[in-house]
Amino acid sequence: MSQKQEIKEALERGEALTRLDCLNRFGCIEGGARITELRQSGMDIQTEMVQHKNLLGEKKRFARWSLNGDQASTKLAYRKSSTGFGWSV
């Protein structure tokens, strides 16, 4: 399965993805490019800018992509857990 197809299916399941998610889960270095391709194919993908502190305590912003409206089957949230940050329903 192509990286683009894997990202598409994850978004359709209601998952929200970042560049790091794309790299870690799908081996996709250019997650933003795959998102652009999916948008050009007609998917209604929204970008949310998320702010998070890095290991040095500095605030950093990054994009998180998800499907708009009824295209996604569930909604996930980015939450802090005992093991760090991650996505949960």
Protein backbone atom coordinates (compact mmCIF):
# COMPACT_ATOMS: atom_id res chain seq x y z
CA MET A 1 0.00 0.00 0.00
CA SER A 2 1.30 3.49 -0.82
CA GLN A 3 2.04 6.08 1.85
CA LYS A 4 -0.70 8.27 0.41
CA GLN A 5 -3.23 5.44 0.69
CA GLU A 6 -2.18 4.68 4.28
CA ILE A 7 -2.57 8.34 5.26
CA LYS A 8 -5.94 8.52 3.49
CA GLU A 9 -7.25 5.48 5.34
CA ALA A 10 -6.02 6.80 8.70
CA LEU A 11 -7.80 10.12 8.11
CA GLU A 12 -10.98 8.30 7.04
CA ARG A 13 -10.89 6.36 10.32
CA GLY A 14 -11.03 9.71 12.11
CA GLU A 15 -7.38 9.91 13.06
CA ALA A 16 -5.57 13.23 13.17
CA LEU A 17 -1.99 13.18 11.87
CA THR A 18 1.16 15.29 12.17
CA ARG A 19 4.39 15.13 10.16
CA LEU A 20 5.93 13.06 12.94
CA ASP A 21 2.97 10.64 12.86
CA CYS A 22 3.42 10.22 9.10
CA LEU A 23 7.12 9.50 9.53
CA ASN A 24 6.77 7.11 12.48
CA ARG A 25 3.73 5.19 11.27
CA PHE A 26 4.08 5.17 7.49
CA GLY A 27 7.77 5.93 6.86
CA CYS A 28 6.67 9.07 5.02
CA ILE A 29 9.18 11.91 5.24
CA GLU A 30 6.99 14.32 3.24
CA GLY A 31 3.63 14.00 5.02
CA GLY A 32 2.69 17.53 3.98
CA ALA A 33 3.12 16.63 0.30
CA ARG A 34 0.85 13.58 0.67
CA ILE A 35 -1.76 15.79 2.39
CA THR A 36 -1.59 18.24 -0.54
CA GLU A 37 -2.08 15.38 -2.99
CA LEU A 38 -5.10 14.12 -1.04
CA ARG A 39 -6.59 17.62 -0.98
CA GLN A 40 -6.10 17.88 -4.75
CA SER A 41 -7.95 14.58 -5.14
CA GLY A 42 -10.96 16.10 -3.35
CA MET A 43 -10.52 15.24 0.34
CA ASP A 44 -11.64 18.02 2.70
CA ILE A 45 -8.66 18.05 5.08
CA GLN A 46 -8.36 20.72 7.74
CA THR A 47 -5.13 21.95 9.29
CA GLU A 48 -5.00 22.87 12.95
CA MET A 49 -1.88 24.55 14.32
CA VAL A 50 -1.02 22.96 17.67
CA GLN A 51 1.35 24.41 20.26
CA HIS A 52 3.43 22.15 22.46
CA LYS A 53 6.52 22.56 24.64
CA ASN A 54 9.62 20.68 23.51
CA LEU A 55 12.13 18.98 25.84
CA LEU A 56 13.80 22.35 26.49
CA GLY A 57 10.51 23.90 27.57
CA GLU A 58 10.25 26.05 24.42
CA LYS A 59 6.84 26.46 22.82
CA LYS A 60 6.74 25.07 19.29
CA ARG A 61 3.92 24.98 16.75
CA PHE A 62 3.15 22.22 14.29
CA ALA A 63 0.33 21.25 11.94
CA ARG A 64 -2.18 18.51 12.72
CA TRP A 65 -4.37 17.31 9.85
CA SER A 66 -7.83 15.74 10.05
CA LEU A 67 -10.90 15.38 7.89
CA ASN A 68 -13.64 17.97 8.07
CA GLY A 69 -17.18 17.06 9.00
CA ASP A 70 -18.77 13.75 8.10
CA GLN A 71 -15.80 12.35 6.18
CA ALA A 72 -14.21 11.04 9.38
CA SER A 73 -15.78 8.18 11.29
CA THR A 74 -14.51 9.18 14.77
CA LYS A 75 -12.71 12.08 16.40
CA LEU A 76 -9.39 11.77 18.19
CA ALA A 77 -7.78 14.18 20.63
CA TYR A 78 -4.11 14.85 21.37
CA ARG A 79 -3.69 14.31 25.09
CA LYS A 80 -0.94 13.98 27.64
CA SER A 81 -0.66 10.59 29.31
CA SER A 82 1.76 9.07 31.80
CA THR A 83 4.02 8.02 28.91
CA GLY A 84 3.92 11.35 27.07
CA PHE A 85 1.60 12.79 24.45
CA GLY A 86 -0.54 10.78 22.06
CA TRP A 87 -3.83 10.47 20.25
CA SER A 88 -6.90 9.02 21.93
CA VAL A 89 -10.62 8.77 21.24
